[in-house]
Amino acid sequence: MSKAFNTNIVKVLRLTRDMMLLADQGDTSRPDRSCGVLYGTLRDSAYKIRELAEQEKILHQGSGLWDIEEE
């Protein structure tokens, strides 16, 4: 069984993927500019969070803490 802290990193990575997809879907159906700001903010946040999660994953891999097989 994987350690909870690694499982949570994987969950964050999946969540950011969903955030990016939602931002793309929202952009294609938005009725006005203010929605564009919302979806742009969502996308930017997803990229920032994803970068942090990727860095944490690399740290865990480097220190031997990572116990999850690549998907």
C-alpha atoms as a PDB file:
ATOM      1  CA  MET A   1       0.000   0.000   0.000  1.00  0.00           C
ATOM      2  CA  SER A   2       1.268   3.446  -0.907  1.00  0.00           C
ATOM      3  CA  LYS A   3       2.055   6.044   1.705  1.00  0.00           C
ATOM      4  CA  ALA A   4      -0.715   8.611   2.171  1.00  0.00           C
ATOM      5  CA  PHE A   5       1.541  11.573   1.410  1.00  0.00           C
ATOM      6  CA  ASN A   6       2.421  10.083  -1.990  1.00  0.00           C
ATOM      7  CA  THR A   7      -1.173   9.173  -2.742  1.00  0.00           C
ATOM      8  CA  ASN A   8      -2.169  12.755  -1.986  1.00  0.00           C
ATOM      9  CA  ILE A   9       0.408  14.076  -4.464  1.00  0.00           C
ATOM     10  CA  VAL A  10      -1.071  11.827  -7.147  1.00  0.00           C
ATOM     11  CA  LYS A  11      -4.543  13.120  -6.240  1.00  0.00           C
ATOM     12  CA  VAL A  12      -3.324  16.705  -6.587  1.00  0.00           C
ATOM     13  CA  LEU A  13      -1.856  15.920 -10.017  1.00  0.00           C
ATOM     14  CA  ARG A  14      -5.170  14.391 -11.121  1.00  0.00           C
ATOM     15  CA  LEU A  15      -7.096  17.336  -9.702  1.00  0.00           C
ATOM     16  CA  THR A  16      -4.956  19.810 -11.638  1.00  0.00           C
ATOM     17  CA  ARG A  17      -5.587  17.856 -14.830  1.00  0.00           C
ATOM     18  CA  ASP A  18      -9.328  18.132 -14.164  1.00  0.00           C
ATOM     19  CA  MET A  19      -8.939  21.847 -13.434  1.00  0.00           C
ATOM     20  CA  MET A  20      -7.200  22.371 -16.787  1.00  0.00           C
ATOM     21  CA  LEU A  21      -9.875  20.428 -18.648  1.00  0.00           C
ATOM     22  CA  LEU A  22     -12.633  22.415 -16.941  1.00  0.00           C
ATOM     23  CA  ALA A  23     -10.912  25.685 -17.835  1.00  0.00           C
ATOM     24  CA  ASP A  24     -10.724  24.590 -21.479  1.00  0.00           C
ATOM     25  CA  GLN A  25     -14.382  23.540 -21.506  1.00  0.00           C
ATOM     26  CA  GLY A  26     -15.439  26.757 -19.820  1.00  0.00           C
ATOM     27  CA  ASP A  27     -13.507  28.865 -22.310  1.00  0.00           C
ATOM     28  CA  THR A  28     -15.277  27.255 -25.251  1.00  0.00           C
ATOM     29  CA  SER A  29     -18.733  27.986 -23.856  1.00  0.00           C
ATOM     30  CA  ARG A  30     -18.279  31.298 -22.040  1.00  0.00           C
ATOM     31  CA  PRO A  31     -20.770  34.063 -22.793  1.00  0.00           C
ATOM     32  CA  ASP A  32     -18.638  37.038 -21.713  1.00  0.00           C
ATOM     33  CA  ARG A  33     -15.190  38.303 -20.733  1.00  0.00           C
ATOM     34  CA  SER A  34     -15.639  37.923 -16.995  1.00  0.00           C
ATOM     35  CA  CYS A  35     -16.053  34.182 -17.447  1.00  0.00           C
ATOM     36  CA  GLY A  36     -12.799  34.252 -19.396  1.00  0.00           C
ATOM     37  CA  VAL A  37     -11.098  35.776 -16.373  1.00  0.00           C
ATOM     38  CA  LEU A  38     -12.523  33.023 -14.185  1.00  0.00           C
ATOM     39  CA  TYR A  39     -11.351  30.207 -16.456  1.00  0.00           C
ATOM     40  CA  GLY A  40      -7.985  31.853 -17.026  1.00  0.00           C
ATOM     41  CA  THR A  41      -7.469  32.093 -13.282  1.00  0.00           C
ATOM     42  CA  LEU A  42      -8.476  28.454 -12.893  1.00  0.00           C
ATOM     43  CA  ARG A  43      -5.984  27.410 -15.583  1.00  0.00           C
ATOM     44  CA  ASP A  44      -3.150  29.515 -14.140  1.00  0.00           C
ATOM     45  CA  SER A  45      -3.799  28.123 -10.671  1.00  0.00           C
ATOM     46  CA  ALA A  46      -3.805  24.576 -12.001  1.00  0.00           C
ATOM     47  CA  TYR A  47      -0.408  25.070 -13.652  1.00  0.00           C
ATOM     48  CA  LYS A  48       1.088  26.565 -10.481  1.00  0.00           C
ATOM     49  CA  ILE A  49      -0.296  23.820  -8.245  1.00  0.00           C
ATOM     50  CA  ARG A  50       0.806  21.140 -10.712  1.00  0.00           C
ATOM     51  CA  GLU A  51       4.357  22.514 -10.746  1.00  0.00           C
ATOM     52  CA  LEU A  52       4.500  22.378  -6.935  1.00  0.00           C
ATOM     53  CA  ALA A  53       3.178  18.808  -6.899  1.00  0.00           C
ATOM     54  CA  GLU A  54       5.679  17.718  -9.579  1.00  0.00           C
ATOM     55  CA  GLN A  55       8.533  19.241  -7.566  1.00  0.00           C
ATOM     56  CA  GLU A  56       7.365  17.441  -4.443  1.00  0.00           C
ATOM     57  CA  LYS A  57       7.136  14.162  -6.344  1.00  0.00           C
ATOM     58  CA  ILE A  58      10.705  14.593  -7.600  1.00  0.00           C
ATOM     59  CA  LEU A  59      11.902  15.293  -4.052  1.00  0.00           C
ATOM     60  CA  HIS A  60      10.191  12.140  -2.802  1.00  0.00           C
ATOM     61  CA  GLN A  61      11.679  10.095  -5.639  1.00  0.00           C
ATOM     62  CA  GLY A  62      15.155  11.455  -4.938  1.00  0.00           C
ATOM     63  CA  SER A  63      14.966  10.667  -1.237  1.00  0.00           C
ATOM     64  CA  GLY A  64      13.556   7.175  -1.744  1.00  0.00           C
ATOM     65  CA  LEU A  65      10.142   8.012  -0.296  1.00  0.00           C
ATOM     66  CA  TRP A  66       8.207   7.564  -3.544  1.00  0.00           C
ATOM     67  CA  ASP A  67       6.435   4.193  -3.505  1.00  0.00           C
ATOM     68  CA  ILE A  68       3.969   4.529  -6.368  1.00  0.00           C
ATOM     69  CA  GLU A  69       4.388   2.819  -9.724  1.00  0.00           C
ATOM     70  CA  GLU A  70       4.150   5.141 -12.705  1.00  0.00           C
ATOM     71  CA  GLU A  71       0.723   5.130 -14.319  1.00  0.00           C
END
